[in-house]
Each structure stands twice: as structure tokens, then as C-alpha cells.
Protein backbone atom coordinates (compact mmCIF):
# COMPACT_ATOMS: atom_id res chain seq x y z
CA MET A 1 0.06 -0.19 0.13
CA PRO A 2 1.38 3.38 -0.91
CA ARG A 3 2.11 5.53 1.82
CA ALA A 4 -0.17 8.66 2.84
CA THR A 5 0.52 11.84 2.00
CA GLY A 6 0.82 14.30 5.05
CA THR A 7 -2.05 16.07 4.21
CA GLU A 8 -3.97 12.71 3.79
CA ALA A 9 -2.01 11.54 7.28
CA LEU A 10 -3.40 14.89 9.06
CA ALA A 11 -6.69 14.40 7.84
CA ARG A 12 -6.98 11.35 9.52
CA LEU A 13 -6.19 12.27 13.23
CA ALA A 14 -9.86 13.63 12.50
CA GLU A 15 -10.85 10.75 12.16
CA GLU A 16 -9.59 8.85 15.22
CA ARG A 17 -12.78 7.90 17.66
CA VAL A 18 -12.34 9.68 21.09
CA ASP A 19 -12.25 7.37 23.91
CA HIS A 20 -10.62 6.08 27.33
CA ARG A 21 -7.52 7.59 25.80
CA PHE A 22 -7.37 10.69 26.52
CA LYS A 23 -8.14 12.92 29.56
CA GLY A 24 -10.54 15.19 30.64
CA LEU A 25 -12.68 14.29 27.05
CA PRO A 26 -16.39 14.76 27.89
CA PRO A 27 -17.57 11.34 28.77
CA ASP A 28 -20.62 11.09 26.02
CA ALA A 29 -18.02 12.08 23.66
CA GLU A 30 -16.67 8.31 23.33
CA GLY A 31 -16.74 6.53 19.80
CA LEU A 32 -17.24 10.78 18.12
CA THR A 33 -14.80 11.44 15.96
CA VAL A 34 -12.52 14.20 16.64
CA ALA A 35 -13.84 15.96 13.88
CA GLU A 36 -17.63 15.58 14.69
CA LEU A 37 -16.71 16.22 18.44
CA ALA A 38 -15.13 19.99 17.01
CA ALA A 39 -17.82 20.16 14.84
CA GLN A 40 -20.11 20.50 18.09
CA ARG A 41 -17.66 22.73 19.41
CA ARG A 42 -18.61 22.24 23.06
CA ASN A 43 -17.58 24.79 25.95
CA LEU A 44 -14.75 23.88 28.15
CA PHE A 45 -16.97 24.80 31.43
CA THR A 46 -20.43 23.49 30.70
CA GLY A 47 -20.20 20.43 27.32
CA GLY A 48 -19.09 17.76 29.53
CA PHE A 49 -14.86 18.27 30.24
CA THR A 50 -13.87 16.80 33.25
CA THR A 51 -11.08 17.54 35.51
CA PRO A 52 -8.33 17.74 35.30
CA VAL A 53 -8.64 19.02 31.34
CA LEU A 54 -5.65 21.16 29.85
CA ALA A 55 -6.83 23.12 27.13
CA LEU A 56 -4.71 25.53 25.23
CA SER A 57 -5.48 28.66 23.94
CA ALA A 58 -6.69 29.69 20.00
CA GLU A 59 -5.71 33.09 20.32
CA ARG A 60 -2.58 33.14 21.86
CA LEU A 61 -1.36 30.61 19.96
CA GLU A 62 -1.81 32.10 16.62
CA HIS A 63 -0.69 35.08 18.33
CA ASN A 64 3.09 33.59 19.25
CA LEU A 65 3.47 31.30 16.06
CA ALA A 66 2.69 35.15 14.27
CA LEU A 67 5.05 36.81 16.46
CA MET A 68 8.03 34.45 15.71
CA GLU A 69 7.18 34.58 12.01
CA THR A 70 7.17 38.06 11.74
CA TYR A 71 11.05 38.28 14.27
CA ALA A 72 12.21 35.95 12.14
CA GLU A 73 11.64 37.60 8.81
CA ARG A 74 12.58 40.38 10.18
CA HIS A 75 16.00 39.73 11.44
CA GLY A 76 16.98 37.61 8.10
CA LEU A 77 16.88 34.07 9.67
CA ALA A 78 15.39 30.90 8.46
CA PHE A 79 12.71 28.78 11.43
CA ALA A 80 13.19 25.24 12.65
CA PRO A 81 11.15 24.90 15.82
CA HIS A 82 11.91 22.74 18.12
CA GLY A 83 9.19 19.68 17.66
CA LYS A 84 10.40 17.64 20.53
CA THR A 85 7.96 20.30 22.63
CA SER A 86 5.11 20.08 21.38
CA MET A 87 5.78 16.46 18.94
CA ALA A 88 2.00 17.01 17.50
CA PRO A 89 1.80 17.13 13.94
CA ARG A 90 -0.65 19.63 13.50
CA LEU A 91 0.99 22.21 15.20
CA PHE A 92 4.10 21.50 12.80
CA GLN A 93 1.80 22.05 10.12
CA ARG A 94 0.40 25.80 11.10
CA GLN A 95 4.75 26.37 11.94
CA ILE A 96 5.55 25.31 8.58
CA GLU A 97 1.89 27.85 7.38
CA HIS A 98 3.28 30.56 9.48
CA GLY A 99 7.19 30.40 7.78
CA ALA A 100 8.94 27.37 9.35
CA TRP A 101 12.03 26.14 7.56
CA GLY A 102 11.41 22.91 8.85
CA ILE A 103 11.31 21.03 12.02
CA THR A 104 14.13 20.34 14.32
CA LEU A 105 14.33 16.35 16.53
CA ALA A 106 15.73 15.51 18.64
CA VAL A 107 15.13 11.35 18.77
CA PRO A 108 14.53 8.45 15.96
CA HIS A 109 11.35 8.38 16.53
CA GLN A 110 10.35 12.06 16.35
CA VAL A 111 11.88 11.62 13.29
CA TRP A 112 9.33 9.63 12.36
CA VAL A 113 6.43 11.36 13.47
CA ALA A 114 7.27 13.64 10.82
CA ARG A 115 7.49 12.06 8.41
CA ALA A 116 4.52 10.26 8.54
CA PHE A 117 2.74 13.44 8.37
CA GLY A 118 4.64 14.64 5.99
CA VAL A 119 7.46 16.79 6.61
CA GLU A 120 9.44 17.46 4.35
CA ARG A 121 12.87 19.25 6.18
CA ILE A 122 14.46 18.34 9.72
CA PHE A 123 17.08 19.42 10.99
CA LEU A 124 18.42 16.65 13.50
CA ALA A 125 20.07 18.47 16.78
CA ASN A 126 21.95 15.38 17.93
CA GLU A 127 24.85 12.71 16.32
CA LEU A 128 22.57 9.83 14.83
CA VAL A 129 24.26 6.30 15.48
CA ASP A 130 22.27 4.06 15.54
CA PRO A 131 22.11 1.14 12.80
CA ALA A 132 19.00 0.79 12.09
CA ALA A 133 17.98 4.93 12.06
CA LEU A 134 20.28 5.72 10.09
CA ARG A 135 18.98 3.66 7.52
CA ARG A 136 16.25 4.58 7.28
CA VAL A 137 16.51 8.69 7.09
CA ALA A 138 19.05 6.62 4.27
CA ASP A 139 15.77 4.94 2.46
CA GLU A 140 13.70 7.88 3.69
CA LEU A 141 16.18 10.44 1.51
CA ALA A 142 16.06 7.69 -1.63
CA ALA A 143 12.05 7.08 -1.41
CA ASP A 144 11.90 11.31 -1.80
CA PRO A 145 14.35 13.64 -3.59
CA ASP A 146 12.58 16.31 -2.20
CA PHE A 147 13.08 14.74 1.98
CA ARG A 148 15.97 17.32 3.73
CA PHE A 149 17.89 15.66 6.36
CA VAL A 150 20.89 17.49 8.93
CA CYS A 151 21.91 16.05 11.89
CA TYR A 152 24.83 17.04 13.93
CA VAL A 153 28.34 15.32 14.01
CA ASP A 154 30.24 16.18 16.77
CA SER A 155 33.07 12.86 17.40
CA VAL A 156 35.57 10.54 14.51
CA ARG A 157 34.26 7.85 15.84
CA GLY A 158 30.72 9.30 15.61
CA VAL A 159 31.67 9.64 11.22
CA GLY A 160 32.89 5.90 11.23
CA LEU A 161 29.69 4.50 13.43
CA MET A 162 27.48 6.67 10.18
CA ASP A 163 29.23 5.71 7.43
CA ALA A 164 29.44 1.98 8.39
CA ALA A 165 25.94 1.62 8.92
CA LEU A 166 25.02 3.83 5.49
CA ARG A 167 27.44 2.17 2.65
CA GLY A 168 25.04 1.52 -0.66
CA ALA A 169 23.14 5.00 0.42
CA ALA A 170 21.50 6.65 -2.73
CA ARG A 171 21.96 9.51 -1.13
CA PRO A 172 25.02 11.30 1.68
CA VAL A 173 23.70 12.72 4.36
CA ASP A 174 23.87 16.01 5.47
CA VAL A 175 25.53 17.33 8.40
CA VAL A 176 26.70 19.45 10.41
CA VAL A 177 29.85 20.36 13.56
CA GLU A 178 28.35 20.89 16.64
CA LEU A 179 30.47 23.15 18.13
CA ALA A 180 30.35 22.60 22.38
CA ALA A 181 29.08 25.40 24.36
CA GLY A 182 32.29 25.18 26.70
CA GLU A 183 33.22 22.55 29.05
CA GLY A 184 31.42 21.11 30.97
CA ALA A 185 28.07 22.03 28.23
CA ARG A 186 26.34 19.22 26.73
CA THR A 187 26.97 17.50 23.04
CA GLY A 188 29.34 18.76 20.99
CA VAL A 189 33.56 18.70 20.14
CA ARG A 190 35.07 20.72 23.30
CA THR A 191 38.28 22.84 20.42
CA GLU A 192 38.28 24.26 17.12
CA SER A 193 41.16 21.79 16.83
CA GLU A 194 38.63 19.11 17.01
CA CYS A 195 36.02 20.25 14.78
CA ALA A 196 38.48 20.58 12.12
CA ALA A 197 39.24 16.23 12.80
CA VAL A 198 35.75 15.89 12.69
CA ALA A 199 35.24 18.27 9.70
CA ASP A 200 38.47 15.75 7.80
CA ALA A 201 36.69 12.48 8.98
CA VAL A 202 33.44 13.90 7.35
CA ALA A 203 35.14 14.45 4.39
CA ALA A 204 37.01 11.06 4.26
CA VAL A 205 33.51 9.25 3.44
CA PRO A 206 31.81 9.28 0.85
CA THR A 207 28.26 8.44 2.39
CA LEU A 208 28.11 11.81 4.49
CA ARG A 209 28.86 15.92 3.46
CA LEU A 210 29.83 18.50 5.57
CA VAL A 211 26.89 21.28 5.20
CA GLY A 212 27.94 23.63 8.29
CA VAL A 213 27.60 24.36 11.55
CA ALA A 214 25.78 24.21 14.76
CA GLY A 215 25.65 24.37 18.56
CA TYR A 216 23.02 25.03 22.00
CA GLU A 217 23.91 28.09 22.90
CA GLY A 218 21.46 27.12 26.09
CA GLU A 219 23.71 25.20 27.53
CA VAL A 220 27.47 28.25 27.74
CA PRO A 221 28.57 27.68 31.42
CA ARG A 222 26.89 30.60 33.59
CA ALA A 223 25.07 32.06 30.65
CA ASP A 224 25.22 36.07 30.50
CA THR A 225 24.99 38.15 27.57
CA ALA A 226 28.54 38.96 27.07
CA ARG A 227 28.84 34.99 27.29
CA VAL A 228 26.45 33.69 24.82
CA THR A 229 27.35 36.38 22.66
CA ALA A 230 30.86 34.94 22.76
CA TYR A 231 30.06 31.75 22.23
CA LEU A 232 28.14 31.86 18.76
CA ARG A 233 30.90 34.43 17.45
CA ARG A 234 33.20 31.70 18.17
CA LEU A 235 30.21 29.16 15.90
CA THR A 236 30.22 31.55 13.35
CA ALA A 237 33.97 31.89 13.11
CA LEU A 238 34.29 28.46 13.07
CA ALA A 239 32.20 28.40 10.02
CA ALA A 240 34.43 31.21 8.39
CA GLY A 241 37.13 29.21 8.74
CA PHE A 242 36.03 26.17 7.35
CA ASP A 243 34.76 28.02 4.03
CA LYS A 244 38.05 29.74 4.07
CA SER A 245 39.97 26.14 3.80
CA GLY A 246 37.31 24.94 2.10
CA ARG A 247 35.54 22.77 3.38
CA PHE A 248 32.12 23.71 1.63
CA ALA A 249 33.05 23.64 -1.59
CA GLY A 250 30.04 22.08 -3.79
CA VAL A 251 27.24 22.77 -1.62
CA ASP A 252 24.15 24.98 -2.05
CA GLU A 253 24.17 26.94 0.84
CA ILE A 254 25.72 27.14 3.85
CA VAL A 255 24.14 25.73 7.52
CA VAL A 256 24.55 28.07 10.47
CA SER A 257 22.38 26.79 13.57
CA ALA A 258 21.19 27.33 16.73
CA GLY A 259 19.00 29.19 19.17
CA GLY A 260 16.61 27.54 21.56
CA SER A 261 13.72 29.87 23.53
CA ALA A 262 16.13 32.07 25.97
CA TRP A 263 18.97 33.58 24.36
CA PHE A 264 17.55 34.02 20.51
CA ASP A 265 17.71 37.94 20.66
CA ALA A 266 21.73 37.26 20.73
CA VAL A 267 21.77 35.00 18.29
CA ALA A 268 19.85 37.06 15.48
CA ASP A 269 22.10 40.07 16.70
CA VAL A 270 25.06 37.97 15.74
CA PHE A 271 24.01 35.85 13.26
CA ALA A 272 23.89 39.16 11.51
CA GLU A 273 27.30 39.78 11.73
CA ILE A 274 28.25 36.47 9.24
CA PRO A 275 30.23 37.84 6.57
CA GLY A 276 29.72 36.33 3.26
CA LEU A 277 31.32 32.42 2.38
CA SER A 278 31.48 30.66 -0.81
CA ALA A 279 27.32 30.00 -0.56
CA PRO A 280 24.48 31.26 0.59
CA VAL A 281 23.96 31.35 5.06
CA LEU A 282 21.50 29.14 5.83
CA LYS A 283 21.01 30.95 9.24
CA LEU A 284 18.80 28.48 11.36
CA LEU A 285 17.13 29.50 14.78
CA ARG A 286 16.10 26.06 16.89
CA SER A 287 13.50 27.87 19.44
CA GLY A 288 10.38 25.61 20.40
CA ALA A 289 9.08 26.83 22.92
CA TYR A 290 7.61 30.10 22.38
CA VAL A 291 4.86 28.27 20.36
CA SER A 292 3.03 27.41 24.17
CA HIS A 293 5.93 29.79 26.08
CA ASP A 294 4.56 29.16 29.60
CA ASP A 295 3.77 30.97 32.71
CA GLY A 296 7.02 30.04 34.89
CA HIS A 297 10.91 29.43 33.15
CA TYR A 298 10.68 30.80 30.02
CA ARG A 299 8.58 33.50 31.25
CA ARG A 300 11.21 35.07 33.62
CA LEU A 301 13.68 33.77 30.35
CA THR A 302 12.33 34.83 27.12
CA PRO A 303 13.74 37.34 25.39
CA PHE A 304 11.38 39.73 24.51
CA ALA A 305 11.89 41.17 28.16
CA ARG A 306 15.20 42.47 27.07
CA VAL A 307 14.19 43.94 23.34
CA PRO A 308 10.24 44.64 24.80
CA GLN A 309 10.26 46.42 21.10
CA GLU A 310 9.99 43.52 18.98
CA GLY A 311 6.81 42.00 20.69
CA ALA A 312 5.99 39.11 23.69
CA LEU A 313 5.21 36.00 23.68
CA GLU A 314 1.57 35.20 25.81
CA PRO A 315 1.07 31.22 27.56
CA ALA A 316 -1.19 29.69 25.87
CA PHE A 317 -1.80 26.96 27.97
CA ARG A 318 -3.80 26.56 31.73
CA LEU A 319 -4.98 23.22 33.88
CA TRP A 320 -8.26 23.33 34.62
CA ALA A 321 -8.31 21.52 38.00
CA GLN A 322 -12.20 21.06 41.07
CA VAL A 323 -11.45 21.42 44.15
CA VAL A 324 -12.37 17.88 45.88
CA SER A 325 -10.84 19.00 49.38
CA ARG A 326 -11.34 21.92 51.92
CA PRO A 327 -9.94 20.04 54.88
CA SER A 328 -9.15 23.12 57.31
CA PRO A 329 -9.03 27.18 56.16
CA GLU A 330 -5.30 26.70 55.44
CA GLN A 331 -5.22 23.79 52.83
CA ALA A 332 -7.12 22.54 49.97
CA PHE A 333 -6.80 19.68 47.13
CA ALA A 334 -7.23 19.93 43.70
CA ASN A 335 -7.68 16.51 41.36
CA ALA A 336 -4.72 17.53 38.83
CA GLY A 337 -1.54 16.46 39.76
CA LYS A 338 2.45 15.29 38.29
CA ARG A 339 0.52 12.44 35.78
CA ASP A 340 -0.89 16.14 34.53
CA ALA A 341 1.40 19.23 35.37
CA ALA A 342 4.27 20.44 34.68
CA HIS A 343 6.42 19.85 37.34
CA ASP A 344 10.12 20.20 36.45
CA LEU A 345 11.38 23.63 36.93
CA ASP A 346 8.09 24.74 39.05
CA LEU A 347 5.56 23.31 40.63
CA PRO A 348 1.63 25.53 38.82
CA GLU A 349 0.19 28.79 39.60
CA ALA A 350 -2.83 28.89 40.47
CA GLN A 351 -4.58 32.04 38.67
CA VAL A 352 -7.80 31.95 38.66
CA VAL A 353 -11.02 30.08 40.20
CA ARG A 354 -14.40 29.52 38.44
CA ARG A 355 -18.04 28.80 40.47
CA ASP A 356 -21.51 28.84 39.04
CA GLY A 357 -19.91 30.35 35.70
CA ALA A 358 -18.31 33.06 37.16
CA GLU A 359 -14.02 33.61 36.99
CA ARG A 360 -12.40 35.80 39.16
CA PRO A 361 -8.30 35.67 40.58
CA ALA A 362 -7.44 32.82 42.65
CA ASP A 363 -6.50 35.64 45.68
CA GLY A 364 -4.29 33.24 48.45
CA VAL A 365 -4.23 30.03 46.61
CA THR A 366 -0.53 28.73 46.17
CA VAL A 367 0.41 25.41 45.39
CA THR A 368 2.74 24.58 47.76
CA GLY A 369 3.42 20.60 46.37
CA LEU A 370 1.82 17.58 44.05
CA SER A 371 0.92 13.87 44.01
CA ASP A 372 0.90 11.91 42.15
CA GLN A 373 -3.57 12.96 41.09
CA HIS A 374 -3.48 15.70 43.36
CA ALA A 375 -2.08 19.30 44.03
CA TRP A 376 -1.23 20.72 47.35
CA LEU A 377 -3.31 24.38 48.02
CA ARG A 378 -2.50 26.43 51.06
CA THR A 379 -4.70 28.80 50.90
CA THR A 380 -4.80 32.33 53.22
CA GLY A 381 -7.75 34.22 53.72
CA GLU A 382 -8.84 35.65 51.59
CA ALA A 383 -9.64 32.89 49.29
CA ASP A 384 -12.44 32.24 48.52
CA LEU A 385 -12.26 28.29 47.87
CA GLU A 386 -14.44 25.70 48.24
CA VAL A 387 -14.95 22.26 46.85
CA GLY A 388 -16.29 22.23 43.37
CA ASP A 389 -14.48 25.08 42.62
CA TRP A 390 -12.61 24.78 39.71
CA VAL A 391 -9.45 26.45 39.67
CA GLY A 392 -7.05 27.33 36.32
CA PHE A 393 -3.73 26.84 36.98
CA GLY A 394 -0.41 28.33 34.82
CA LEU A 395 2.55 25.55 33.22
CA SER A 396 6.02 26.23 33.91
CA HIS A 397 8.17 24.06 30.78
CA PRO A 398 6.03 22.98 27.92
CA CYS A 399 7.81 20.15 26.93
CA THR A 400 6.79 18.82 30.09
CA SER A 401 3.14 20.54 29.50
CA PHE A 402 2.58 18.90 26.48
CA ASP A 403 4.21 15.31 27.20
CA LYS A 404 1.38 15.01 29.37
CA TRP A 405 -1.78 14.83 27.20
CA GLN A 406 -2.98 12.84 23.92
CA LEU A 407 -5.65 14.84 22.72
CA ILE A 408 -5.23 19.03 23.98
CA PRO A 409 -8.74 21.15 23.57
CA LEU A 410 -8.04 24.30 21.59
CA ALA A 411 -10.42 26.50 23.24
CA GLU A 412 -10.97 30.40 22.48
CA ALA A 413 -11.31 32.72 25.04
CA ASP A 414 -14.95 31.92 26.42
CA GLY A 415 -13.95 28.83 26.21
CA THR A 416 -15.57 27.39 23.15
CA VAL A 417 -13.53 24.45 21.67
CA VAL A 418 -12.75 24.72 18.25
CA ASP A 419 -10.36 22.10 17.75
CA TYR A 420 -8.71 19.73 19.62
CA ILE A 421 -4.62 18.75 19.26
CA ARG A 422 -2.99 14.95 18.99
CA THR A 423 0.50 14.77 20.61
CA PHE A 424 2.93 11.22 19.68
CA PHE A 425 5.08 11.36 22.67
């Protein structure tokens, strides 16, 4: 049977049946297709949704997609947002519709998901040395002349393992040398001389093609603007040095890539300094958390706080839970916990309370801890909280918010659910 196109695969998401796999959805929706449920435009608060339920704001999602599209255009950047944040093919599609060059991913499974839904350009921000995965990538490249795949190399041994797995492949795999962000940082080659050795190893094998350099400034030790800028200038100087030595001979474009969600302003500034090289430069930004933003870690770190004239991202997630116990005036418990809420960076933040259709700020309510299925709430005298109330929580860290939910309602500001976002973790 021929493989489904990306458009067909995306359409099939709407044909999936609602069942026990999906948390928070109305019990009477069981058996409906996702499309049928979406067409009902149920209200998140009155349409039978059960708590806990995670919702994504339709308006804020669109705002964030448009903001990063214009930001990349303004700064002459290509954009390959990191798909590991959401692992949601519908969001991949929306990102590409908003000008993304392609999607960044981290591990083979994520690549297979993206390919199943028609993503034609993938940047793998990792060295790939698994033989079975490499052979599948080679098969994908052979079967689809429009498929573009780029991945890291960061060791001579890695080059050898890749070459052994790819012998006989119809097309070479494009690679970029990853420059580490410093001693004690994560992956990557530590010195420029070692980078040259890795590049030489690539040049010596027919299965790989060196097309650029890359790195991740988010791993710079004791990161501040000066240290991040210095690292990024090392990265661009490495690209210029490789080009001067003829290492990019024959390529149509030279890839220079960096950019997480905390320092993309520095990436934009330093990449603007890249001199003319022997081929056009693809200045590839990879920030991913922007798509939903958050109410914690990235709210504090966002570069837009340093450059407010560029705009501002908006937190698009809200987790709704219900108060199920009020054992004392100082304590309450809601029915959402570690299985429902991101908690690796910050605890959820109580933001609003709903009762009888009215919504008000969650004054005097603080999350002090999470059990598997409960949020521990400390309440002061100003907290008006009763059993049965719905509490809306802001979350910190998009990556570990998306991965706890397989089907996420996309809701407008009045609570009307207009679509559902399927994730694949």
C-alpha cells in the first residue's frame, strides 16, 4: 500500500475516535470522531469536560506563531522550531504555514512522527549513530528526492559509525559539526582543532556531506549576554574558517544553526554579523517553547523581556482542576497532580477560580506541592475556595506540559473548543 501523504495523515487525525485514551474529554463524546466532537463546539466549562483538563488558547497560540514568524523575517533568519516541545503534527503544520523552514527534532522516533505527517525538512539536533535509524533515514532520502535531512556530528568515531551504517546509501546524509558551548556543557566538539578533525573525517567518507556548523547557546556555563555572544561568535568564526579552507566546496548553502528559547535575540544579533561566504548562508534558528510559551521558566527567560519593542509571547496553556477537598481554612486539594502538570522546573501557579459561571483571580491560593493526582493548595484568609470550584493553573515548561496529554482541547477565550491537538510522545 502506498504511504499516505502528509495531508492525508493529518486528515486522518480528525477521524480518530474519542475513547478512554484521552483525559478530560466529555464522557458522552466516546465513539465520536475528533472532527465530530470539534464540530459541536462545546464549551470547556459547560460542555461536559471533566477535570483535570489541559486547554490551549486558540488566540494565544496564533499570536505566538505569528510573532515568531515576523521576528525571524525581520532578522533574516530561517526558522526550524524544535518539535520535541509539542510533538503535535497539527502544530508542525501550523508552524510551517507560518513560515518555518522545517522542524527540528532530537531522536529517531520524533523523525518518524514528522515524516509520517509529511514534514519535508528535518534538522536533527543530535549526532545519530544508531545503525537501524540511519538506514531508515537513508531509505527516506532515497524514496523522496524532496526530503532534506541534516544532523549533527561531534566525534570522529561518530563519523565512522555513521559511515558504516550508510554504506551503499543512494544519497549522502548532510551533517553539521556541533561546537560545544564550553567545558562541562552538553554535547559537541570542545575545541576548534577537534572540529577540524571531525570535518576531515566527514570529507573522507562518501556517505556524509558537510554542510555547516551548529551549536546550542543555552548550554553556555554561567550564561549571560557576554558569554553567550562570545560562544556564538566562536560558532560563526568556525563556519567562516571552514569555508575559507574549502570545506564547503560544492554545497548550495552553508548551514549555521543555533537558538533555544532563552537567547534567540543574541543569536539574531551575532548571525547578522556573518560575513559573505562562498555560498548563501542558511541562518537557522531552532527555538521551540515559544509555541505555547509558559507562566514560569520561559516567562522569566524570554528574550522579549530584553527587547520589548519586538513584541511579547503569551502563555497559551491553562490546566483546569477541581477542588475535591477543603480539610481546613489553610488547606485545599485539587484533582490534578504530577501526571497532569509540568513540575520539573516550577510548580503550577494558581491563577483563577471559577464557580457558577463566574471567574475571579485565585487570590490567596498557592500551590505548595504535587502528589501523583493531587495539587496541594495553601490558602490564606482572602482565598474564597470551596469544594467543587474549578481552579485554572498556569504551567512552567511547555515540553513537559504537552507530553502528559494526548489530545488537548484548543479553546477560544470564551471557552468554546474549536479543535483538538493530538500529540505523539
